[in-house]
Amino acid sequence: MAQLTDPRPSSAYDFAGGYDPDMAAAQETAWIEVIRKMEEVYSDLISYEVELEEKNTALEEAQRFINSVLSAVSDILIVCDQNGRIQQVNLAFLQLTGLAEVDLFECPLEDLLAEDTGQLRLFSWIDAVEGHDREVRFRSADGGLTDPVALSCATRLDHRGLPAGIVLTGRPVGELRRAYEALKTAQAQLIQQEKMASLGRLIAGVAHELNNPISFVYGNVHALSKYSTRIAAYLDAIHAGCDETEREALRASLRIDSTLADLPALMEGTAEGAQRVADIVRSLKRLSFSAGSKPEEFDLGEVVAKAVQWSGSGKKGLASIELDLPDHLAVRGNPGQLHQVIVNLIENALDAVAGRPDGRVEVTGKAEGGQTVLTIADNGPGIPPDIVGKVFDPFFTTKPVGKGTGLGLWISYGIIRDHGGSLEAGATASGGARFTISLPPA
């Protein structure tokens, strides 16, 4: 027969070999508690693993996002530790040098620099504080050197706020130079456009001024031509031997006496008109727009009067322009450039009062506080207080598109500044615009 085994645990027996039910129950409870604890630990491990996987996924996504941003940045980026060893670069730097990213990790930064670069790390720590740039060249994969790169540096801090390395950013200087040259070209073109507009206004005024004396001279020459025909016919008759009666009749019909009496006035008027044209041409020569001309001492009142005369000569329906100038306002500088400034300010004032039946522009000059002060004011709508500080900014204009470039006041401000003076914008008591030029006296 098979031997029967007692199912009760042997540990439940006492030393006398008897079975202890209480001990068995305690052991069973202990085993249940152990199993429950193991299940809790296992459940926690599962939860920790899921959480760890989620954090790892988020970290990978953040890393991919950062890498995509660094790859999209067109400027080069180099991250180094405190020893100057490269920790990370972006795609722009790899494209610049042609090197592989795996070959750059932990590579000393000095190994990638041209021989004449010097200690870049020393430069970096100093310029990270001072904010300076430095032009360097890197070694490329083909053994040559890259284009010059303008590098700037910033200190990289760790989680405690202590220096942990440097971050270098830069852009090839060739690209910057091309952009700068394009900007300079565009600026020069716009300034030239504004100068041509000023020249056009000047030419319109000069043409109007020249039209009067030239028309006068032309009319006198036409009259002299008719008179010469009469006198020639009279002389031909005399030379042909006509008698006295025929000669006197011809003298009366040709109005020889009135013609001879009118000749001095005609010749005097023609000479006066020619002299007026010569004066205008001489004024044009004096009002040269060349910036290279030497400064000279001149009467600002004369320049203002000429500017007022020419600036509105080609326009119709102009407002009244009132002048209040002393006998002499001596200044030193370039009269042509100051003429350009005054014409521009008067043209702006005339545009501001265009269409107003009571439009008025006042130009006053005086010597005040050791300065020569010229004020150009109008009774137009004025300058709103929120933009009065912007009127001298380049390209800022309140005129409609096609009516102004926004460079006139900017150029005028620069001209007055180069003359050692100031140009200010403000408002009159009636609300119109007022521009004040202050220049040091000669």
Protein backbone atom coordinates (compact mmCIF):
# COMPACT_ATOMS: atom_id res chain seq x y z
CA MET A 1 0.00 0.00 0.00
CA ALA A 2 1.11 3.61 -0.72
CA GLN A 3 2.23 5.62 2.23
CA LEU A 4 -0.08 8.58 3.00
CA THR A 5 1.55 12.03 3.46
CA ASP A 6 0.26 14.48 6.03
CA PRO A 7 -0.75 17.64 4.08
CA ARG A 8 -0.23 19.88 7.04
CA PRO A 9 3.08 21.80 6.97
CA SER A 10 5.77 20.35 9.09
CA SER A 11 6.55 23.76 10.57
CA ALA A 12 3.10 23.65 12.17
CA TYR A 13 4.15 20.80 14.41
CA ASP A 14 5.39 21.51 17.87
CA PHE A 15 8.42 19.81 19.43
CA ALA A 16 6.23 17.04 20.72
CA GLY A 17 5.24 16.23 17.14
CA GLY A 18 1.69 17.66 17.45
CA TYR A 19 0.08 19.99 14.88
CA ASP A 20 -0.42 23.69 15.82
CA PRO A 21 -3.33 25.29 13.86
CA ASP A 22 -2.50 28.86 14.98
CA MET A 23 1.02 28.64 13.71
CA ALA A 24 -0.18 27.31 10.40
CA ALA A 25 -2.64 30.20 10.02
CA ALA A 26 0.10 32.74 10.82
CA GLN A 27 2.38 31.22 8.22
CA GLU A 28 -0.38 31.27 5.61
CA THR A 29 -1.10 34.93 6.37
CA ALA A 30 2.59 35.75 6.03
CA TRP A 31 2.77 34.02 2.65
CA ILE A 32 -0.29 35.91 1.44
CA GLU A 33 1.24 39.22 2.54
CA VAL A 34 4.50 38.38 0.74
CA ILE A 35 2.62 37.57 -2.45
CA ARG A 36 0.60 40.81 -2.19
CA LYS A 37 3.78 42.84 -1.71
CA MET A 38 5.33 41.13 -4.73
CA GLU A 39 2.26 42.02 -6.79
CA GLU A 40 2.46 45.66 -5.65
CA VAL A 41 6.16 45.82 -6.50
CA TYR A 42 5.49 44.25 -9.88
CA SER A 43 2.64 46.69 -10.52
CA ASP A 44 4.88 49.62 -9.55
CA LEU A 45 7.60 48.32 -11.86
CA ILE A 46 5.10 48.17 -14.71
CA SER A 47 3.94 51.74 -13.96
CA TYR A 48 7.52 53.00 -13.71
CA GLU A 49 8.38 51.34 -16.99
CA VAL A 50 5.38 52.90 -18.75
CA GLU A 51 6.22 56.32 -17.29
CA LEU A 52 9.86 55.90 -18.26
CA GLU A 53 8.90 55.01 -21.80
CA GLU A 54 6.63 58.05 -22.02
CA LYS A 55 9.38 60.34 -20.73
CA ASN A 56 11.87 58.76 -23.09
CA THR A 57 9.47 59.32 -25.99
CA ALA A 58 8.99 62.96 -24.95
CA LEU A 59 12.74 63.36 -24.61
CA GLU A 60 13.30 61.91 -28.07
CA GLU A 61 10.66 64.23 -29.51
CA ALA A 62 12.28 67.23 -27.79
CA GLN A 63 15.67 66.14 -29.12
CA ARG A 64 14.27 65.79 -32.64
CA PHE A 65 12.65 69.23 -32.33
CA ILE A 66 15.90 70.83 -31.16
CA ASN A 67 17.85 69.10 -33.94
CA SER A 68 15.33 70.25 -36.55
CA VAL A 69 15.58 73.83 -35.28
CA LEU A 70 19.39 73.74 -35.26
CA SER A 71 19.39 72.28 -38.76
CA ALA A 72 17.05 75.00 -40.00
CA VAL A 73 19.20 77.85 -38.60
CA SER A 74 21.26 79.35 -41.41
CA ASP A 75 23.92 80.72 -39.05
CA ILE A 76 26.60 78.31 -37.88
CA LEU A 77 26.44 77.09 -34.28
CA ILE A 78 29.24 75.53 -32.20
CA VAL A 79 28.82 74.41 -28.58
CA CYS A 80 31.99 73.74 -26.56
CA ASP A 81 32.73 72.71 -23.00
CA GLN A 82 35.02 74.56 -20.63
CA ASN A 83 38.07 72.90 -22.16
CA GLY A 84 37.23 74.08 -25.63
CA ARG A 85 36.12 70.66 -26.90
CA ILE A 86 33.21 70.57 -29.29
CA GLN A 87 29.99 69.13 -27.88
CA GLN A 88 27.59 69.92 -30.70
CA VAL A 89 27.40 71.68 -34.07
CA ASN A 90 24.54 72.36 -36.45
CA LEU A 91 24.00 71.52 -40.10
CA ALA A 92 25.16 74.94 -41.31
CA PHE A 93 28.62 74.35 -39.81
CA LEU A 94 28.82 70.86 -41.34
CA GLN A 95 27.92 72.30 -44.75
CA LEU A 96 30.48 75.08 -44.34
CA THR A 97 33.37 72.77 -43.48
CA GLY A 98 32.28 69.53 -45.19
CA LEU A 99 33.15 67.56 -42.03
CA ALA A 100 31.09 64.79 -40.42
CA GLU A 101 29.42 65.36 -37.06
CA VAL A 102 30.82 62.13 -35.61
CA ASP A 103 34.37 63.36 -36.28
CA LEU A 104 33.76 66.67 -34.48
CA PHE A 105 32.53 65.39 -31.12
CA GLU A 106 35.12 66.04 -28.37
CA CYS A 107 37.43 67.55 -31.00
CA PRO A 108 39.41 70.58 -29.72
CA LEU A 109 38.07 73.73 -31.33
CA GLU A 110 41.58 75.03 -32.02
CA ASP A 111 42.21 72.06 -34.32
CA LEU A 112 39.58 73.39 -36.74
CA LEU A 113 40.89 76.94 -36.89
CA ALA A 114 43.31 78.46 -39.37
CA GLU A 115 46.88 78.78 -38.13
CA ASP A 116 46.75 82.58 -37.81
CA THR A 117 43.55 82.61 -35.75
CA GLY A 118 45.18 82.57 -32.34
CA GLN A 119 43.54 81.63 -29.06
CA LEU A 120 39.85 81.63 -29.87
CA ARG A 121 38.87 80.39 -26.42
CA LEU A 122 40.52 83.40 -24.81
CA PHE A 123 38.72 85.61 -27.26
CA SER A 124 35.46 83.83 -26.52
CA TRP A 125 35.53 84.27 -22.77
CA ILE A 126 36.38 87.95 -23.04
CA ASP A 127 34.04 88.78 -25.89
CA ALA A 128 31.20 86.78 -24.37
CA VAL A 129 31.10 89.58 -21.80
CA GLU A 130 31.95 92.50 -24.09
CA GLY A 131 29.80 91.32 -27.00
CA HIS A 132 32.49 91.70 -29.71
CA ASP A 133 32.69 89.76 -32.98
CA ARG A 134 35.77 88.22 -34.52
CA GLU A 135 36.47 87.18 -38.10
CA VAL A 136 37.94 83.66 -38.40
CA ARG A 137 38.44 80.87 -40.94
CA PHE A 138 37.87 77.14 -40.34
CA ARG A 139 39.66 74.18 -41.84
CA SER A 140 37.51 72.33 -44.35
CA ALA A 141 37.36 68.63 -45.19
CA ASP A 142 39.38 69.12 -48.40
CA GLY A 143 42.31 70.57 -46.47
CA GLY A 144 41.62 74.17 -47.40
CA LEU A 145 40.04 77.02 -45.50
CA THR A 146 36.47 78.22 -45.45
CA ASP A 147 35.29 81.75 -46.24
CA PRO A 148 35.75 84.23 -43.37
CA VAL A 149 33.11 83.89 -40.68
CA ALA A 150 32.08 86.65 -38.27
CA LEU A 151 31.81 84.86 -34.90
CA SER A 152 30.09 86.07 -31.77
CA CYS A 153 30.20 84.27 -28.45
CA ALA A 154 28.03 83.70 -25.40
CA THR A 155 28.74 81.87 -22.15
CA ARG A 156 26.82 78.65 -21.62
CA LEU A 157 25.63 78.12 -18.02
CA ASP A 158 24.73 74.88 -16.26
CA HIS A 159 21.69 74.23 -14.05
CA ARG A 160 23.44 75.95 -11.15
CA GLY A 161 24.08 79.10 -13.18
CA LEU A 162 27.83 78.45 -13.37
CA PRO A 163 29.86 78.66 -16.62
CA ALA A 164 29.79 75.31 -18.40
CA GLY A 165 31.24 76.27 -21.77
CA ILE A 166 30.77 78.62 -24.69
CA VAL A 167 28.38 78.93 -27.61
CA LEU A 168 29.74 80.37 -30.86
CA THR A 169 27.42 81.65 -33.56
CA GLY A 170 28.38 83.26 -36.83
CA ARG A 171 27.68 83.86 -40.47
CA PRO A 172 30.01 83.88 -43.48
CA VAL A 173 31.28 87.40 -43.93
CA GLY A 174 30.88 87.16 -47.69
CA GLU A 175 27.13 86.90 -47.29
CA LEU A 176 27.08 89.79 -44.83
CA ARG A 177 29.18 91.90 -47.15
CA ARG A 178 26.93 91.17 -50.11
CA ALA A 179 23.86 92.09 -48.05
CA TYR A 180 25.59 95.24 -46.82
CA GLU A 181 26.61 96.26 -50.33
CA ALA A 182 23.06 95.64 -51.56
CA LEU A 183 21.73 97.78 -48.73
CA LYS A 184 24.20 100.55 -49.50
CA THR A 185 23.26 100.42 -53.18
CA ALA A 186 19.55 100.60 -52.39
CA GLN A 187 20.14 103.46 -49.97
CA ALA A 188 22.23 105.35 -52.53
CA GLN A 189 19.54 104.85 -55.16
CA LEU A 190 16.82 106.16 -52.86
CA ILE A 191 18.91 109.16 -51.85
CA GLN A 192 19.67 109.83 -55.51
CA GLN A 193 15.96 109.58 -56.24
CA GLU A 194 15.21 112.17 -53.57
CA LYS A 195 17.98 114.40 -54.90
CA MET A 196 16.54 114.11 -58.39
CA ALA A 197 13.11 115.05 -57.00
CA SER A 198 14.67 118.09 -55.33
CA LEU A 199 16.49 118.90 -58.55
CA GLY A 200 13.20 118.59 -60.44
CA ARG A 201 11.55 121.09 -58.11
CA LEU A 202 14.53 123.40 -58.52
CA ILE A 203 14.44 123.12 -62.31
CA ALA A 204 10.71 123.86 -62.36
CA GLY A 205 11.31 127.03 -60.37
CA VAL A 206 14.31 128.05 -62.45
CA ALA A 207 12.40 127.42 -65.67
CA HIS A 208 9.63 129.69 -64.46
CA GLU A 209 12.14 132.37 -63.48
CA LEU A 210 13.95 132.13 -66.80
CA ASN A 211 10.71 132.21 -68.75
CA ASN A 212 9.95 135.84 -67.87
CA PRO A 213 13.22 137.48 -68.99
CA ILE A 214 13.57 135.15 -71.98
CA SER A 215 10.01 135.96 -73.11
CA PHE A 216 10.80 139.64 -72.66
CA VAL A 217 14.00 139.35 -74.70
CA TYR A 218 12.22 137.31 -77.36
CA GLY A 219 9.45 139.93 -77.68
CA ASN A 220 11.97 142.76 -77.91
CA VAL A 221 14.01 140.92 -80.54
CA HIS A 222 10.84 140.32 -82.56
CA ALA A 223 10.03 144.06 -82.38
CA LEU A 224 13.61 144.95 -83.33
CA SER A 225 13.33 142.64 -86.32
CA LYS A 226 10.25 144.49 -87.58
CA TYR A 227 11.91 147.83 -86.92
CA SER A 228 15.02 146.79 -88.83
CA THR A 229 12.83 145.87 -91.81
CA ARG A 230 11.20 149.32 -91.78
CA ILE A 231 14.50 151.15 -91.43
CA ALA A 232 16.05 149.05 -94.23
CA ALA A 233 13.14 149.89 -96.57
CA TYR A 234 13.45 153.59 -95.75
CA LEU A 235 17.21 153.61 -96.34
CA ASP A 236 16.83 151.70 -99.62
CA ALA A 237 14.41 154.37 -100.87
CA ILE A 238 16.81 157.15 -99.92
CA HIS A 239 19.74 155.38 -101.59
CA ALA A 240 17.61 154.90 -104.72
CA GLY A 241 17.35 158.72 -105.04
CA CYS A 242 13.73 159.35 -104.16
CA ASP A 243 12.65 162.98 -103.93
CA GLU A 244 11.85 164.76 -100.72
CA THR A 245 8.07 164.39 -101.02
CA GLU A 246 8.27 160.63 -101.58
CA ARG A 247 10.82 160.29 -98.78
CA GLU A 248 8.63 162.11 -96.25
CA ALA A 249 5.60 160.05 -97.26
CA LEU A 250 7.59 156.86 -96.81
CA ARG A 251 8.92 158.12 -93.47
CA ALA A 252 5.40 158.67 -92.23
CA SER A 253 4.02 155.35 -93.52
CA LEU A 254 6.88 153.34 -92.01
CA ARG A 255 6.68 155.26 -88.70
CA ILE A 256 10.38 155.88 -88.77
CA ASP A 257 10.31 158.56 -86.06
CA SER A 258 8.44 156.39 -83.53
CA THR A 259 10.64 153.44 -84.39
CA LEU A 260 13.81 155.42 -83.72
CA ALA A 261 12.32 156.75 -80.48
CA ASP A 262 11.43 153.20 -79.35
CA LEU A 263 14.83 151.68 -80.13
CA PRO A 264 16.68 152.80 -76.94
CA ALA A 265 13.98 151.37 -74.70
CA LEU A 266 13.94 148.11 -76.64
CA MET A 267 17.71 147.72 -76.46
CA GLU A 268 17.75 148.64 -72.78
CA GLY A 269 14.98 146.12 -72.03
CA THR A 270 16.75 143.40 -74.01
CA ALA A 271 19.99 144.04 -72.14
CA GLU A 272 18.11 144.00 -68.84
CA GLY A 273 16.48 140.65 -69.71
CA ALA A 274 19.83 139.17 -70.74
CA GLN A 275 21.36 140.43 -67.50
CA ARG A 276 18.51 138.79 -65.55
CA VAL A 277 19.22 135.46 -67.27
CA ALA A 278 22.92 135.85 -66.49
CA ASP A 279 22.10 136.53 -62.82
CA ILE A 280 19.97 133.38 -62.62
CA VAL A 281 22.73 131.29 -64.19
CA ARG A 282 25.27 132.78 -61.81
CA SER A 283 22.99 131.93 -58.88
CA LEU A 284 22.71 128.36 -60.14
CA LYS A 285 26.49 128.08 -60.24
CA ARG A 286 26.71 129.39 -56.68
CA LEU A 287 23.99 127.06 -55.43
CA SER A 288 26.03 123.98 -56.24
CA PHE A 289 24.81 120.69 -54.74
CA SER A 290 28.31 119.30 -54.61
CA ALA A 291 29.15 118.04 -51.12
CA GLY A 292 32.85 118.42 -51.86
CA SER A 293 32.77 122.20 -52.19
CA LYS A 294 34.51 124.13 -49.46
CA PRO A 295 32.42 125.92 -46.81
CA GLU A 296 32.02 129.64 -47.39
CA GLU A 297 30.54 132.57 -45.54
CA PHE A 298 27.31 133.88 -47.07
CA ASP A 299 24.07 135.66 -46.28
CA LEU A 300 21.42 133.10 -45.39
CA GLY A 301 18.71 135.67 -46.16
CA GLU A 302 19.69 135.71 -49.84
CA VAL A 303 19.52 131.92 -50.03
CA VAL A 304 16.13 131.93 -48.29
CA ALA A 305 14.76 134.57 -50.64
CA LYS A 306 15.98 132.62 -53.67
CA ALA A 307 14.53 129.39 -52.29
CA VAL A 308 11.16 131.03 -51.65
CA GLN A 309 11.20 132.51 -55.14
CA TRP A 310 12.03 129.24 -56.86
CA SER A 311 10.25 126.67 -54.73
CA GLY A 312 6.76 127.86 -55.61
CA SER A 313 7.37 129.42 -59.02
CA GLY A 314 6.17 126.39 -60.99
CA LYS A 315 2.96 125.88 -58.99
CA LYS A 316 -0.46 127.43 -59.40
CA GLY A 317 -2.93 128.39 -56.75
CA LEU A 318 -0.19 128.82 -54.18
CA ALA A 319 -0.70 130.05 -50.68
CA SER A 320 0.87 133.31 -49.68
CA ILE A 321 4.49 133.17 -48.51
CA GLU A 322 5.45 135.85 -46.01
CA LEU A 323 9.11 136.70 -45.37
CA ASP A 324 10.41 138.33 -42.22
CA LEU A 325 14.20 138.45 -42.48
CA PRO A 326 16.79 140.89 -41.13
CA ASP A 327 19.16 142.72 -43.44
CA HIS A 328 21.95 140.19 -42.95
CA LEU A 329 22.15 136.66 -41.55
CA ALA A 330 25.76 135.56 -41.85
CA VAL A 331 26.40 131.81 -41.70
CA ARG A 332 29.16 129.53 -42.92
CA GLY A 333 28.64 126.37 -44.95
CA ASN A 334 27.42 125.17 -48.32
CA PRO A 335 24.74 127.53 -49.71
CA GLY A 336 23.55 124.94 -52.22
CA GLN A 337 22.86 122.34 -49.56
CA LEU A 338 21.06 124.82 -47.33
CA HIS A 339 19.06 125.96 -50.35
CA GLN A 340 17.99 122.34 -50.85
CA VAL A 341 16.87 122.09 -47.21
CA ILE A 342 14.87 125.33 -47.32
CA VAL A 343 13.22 124.45 -50.63
CA ASN A 344 12.21 121.07 -49.23
CA LEU A 345 10.70 122.60 -46.09
CA ILE A 346 8.83 125.27 -48.04
CA GLU A 347 7.54 122.67 -50.52
CA ASN A 348 6.27 120.57 -47.60
CA ALA A 349 4.57 123.61 -46.08
CA LEU A 350 2.93 124.48 -49.40
CA ASP A 351 1.69 120.91 -49.77
CA ALA A 352 0.26 121.06 -46.23
CA VAL A 353 -1.85 124.16 -47.01
CA ALA A 354 -2.76 123.15 -50.56
CA GLY A 355 -6.47 123.69 -51.20
CA ARG A 356 -6.98 126.02 -48.24
CA PRO A 357 -8.36 129.42 -49.24
CA ASP A 358 -6.43 131.06 -46.40
CA GLY A 359 -3.23 129.01 -46.86
CA ARG A 360 -0.21 130.82 -45.50
CA VAL A 361 3.48 130.03 -45.06
CA GLU A 362 5.64 132.22 -42.86
CA VAL A 363 9.44 132.28 -43.08
CA THR A 364 11.20 134.19 -40.34
CA GLY A 365 14.86 134.56 -39.51
CA LYS A 366 16.77 136.11 -36.63
CA ALA A 367 19.96 135.94 -34.60
CA GLU A 368 19.13 134.58 -31.16
CA GLY A 369 21.24 133.20 -28.34
CA GLY A 370 24.40 133.09 -30.40
CA GLN A 371 22.63 131.12 -33.14
CA THR A 372 21.14 131.96 -36.51
CA VAL A 373 17.54 130.75 -36.30
CA LEU A 374 15.27 130.23 -39.31
CA THR A 375 11.63 129.19 -38.83
CA ILE A 376 9.26 127.91 -41.52
CA ALA A 377 5.64 127.65 -40.32
CA ASP A 378 2.27 127.04 -41.97
CA ASN A 379 -1.37 127.13 -40.96
CA GLY A 380 -2.10 123.61 -42.20
CA PRO A 381 -3.34 120.61 -40.19
CA GLY A 382 0.00 120.27 -38.38
CA ILE A 383 1.88 117.17 -37.26
CA PRO A 384 0.10 114.75 -34.88
CA PRO A 385 1.93 114.50 -31.53
CA ASP A 386 2.34 110.73 -31.87
CA ILE A 387 4.43 111.03 -35.05
CA VAL A 388 6.32 114.27 -34.46
CA GLY A 389 9.29 112.22 -33.28
CA LYS A 390 9.29 110.12 -36.46
CA VAL A 391 9.26 112.79 -39.18
CA PHE A 392 13.06 112.72 -39.52
CA ASP A 393 13.22 108.91 -39.76
CA PRO A 394 14.21 107.59 -43.20
CA PHE A 395 11.30 106.42 -45.39
CA PHE A 396 8.68 107.86 -43.01
CA THR A 397 6.09 109.93 -44.84
CA THR A 398 2.48 110.93 -44.40
CA LYS A 399 2.03 111.66 -48.10
CA PRO A 400 0.13 109.25 -50.38
CA VAL A 401 2.01 106.54 -52.26
CA GLY A 402 3.92 108.05 -55.16
CA LYS A 403 3.92 111.56 -53.66
CA GLY A 404 6.96 111.24 -51.44
CA THR A 405 9.87 108.94 -50.65
CA GLY A 406 10.15 109.80 -46.97
CA LEU A 407 13.78 110.85 -47.43
CA GLY A 408 13.47 114.64 -47.79
CA LEU A 409 13.37 115.49 -44.10
CA TRP A 410 15.94 112.80 -43.29
CA ILE A 411 18.40 114.26 -45.81
CA SER A 412 17.62 117.78 -44.61
CA TYR A 413 18.26 116.74 -41.00
CA GLY A 414 21.63 115.28 -41.99
CA ILE A 415 22.64 118.42 -43.91
CA ILE A 416 21.81 120.71 -40.97
CA ARG A 417 23.63 118.37 -38.58
CA ASP A 418 26.72 118.40 -40.84
CA HIS A 419 26.64 122.20 -40.64
CA GLY A 420 26.82 121.98 -36.85
CA GLY A 421 23.20 122.98 -36.36
CA SER A 422 19.87 121.41 -35.50
CA LEU A 423 16.51 120.90 -37.22
CA GLU A 424 13.43 120.53 -35.02
CA ALA A 425 9.74 119.94 -35.75
CA GLY A 426 6.89 121.31 -33.68
CA ALA A 427 3.51 123.01 -33.80
CA THR A 428 2.43 126.63 -34.05
CA ALA A 429 -0.07 128.29 -31.73
CA SER A 430 -2.78 127.79 -34.36
CA GLY A 431 -1.96 124.08 -34.73
CA GLY A 432 0.06 124.21 -37.94
CA ALA A 433 3.49 122.70 -38.49
CA ARG A 434 6.67 124.56 -37.64
CA PHE A 435 10.26 123.61 -38.52
CA THR A 436 13.11 125.45 -36.85
CA ILE A 437 16.67 125.52 -38.20
CA SER A 438 19.41 126.64 -35.82
CA LEU A 439 22.88 127.25 -37.26
CA PRO A 440 26.05 128.59 -35.69
CA PRO A 441 26.85 132.08 -37.00
CA ALA A 442 29.80 132.67 -39.28
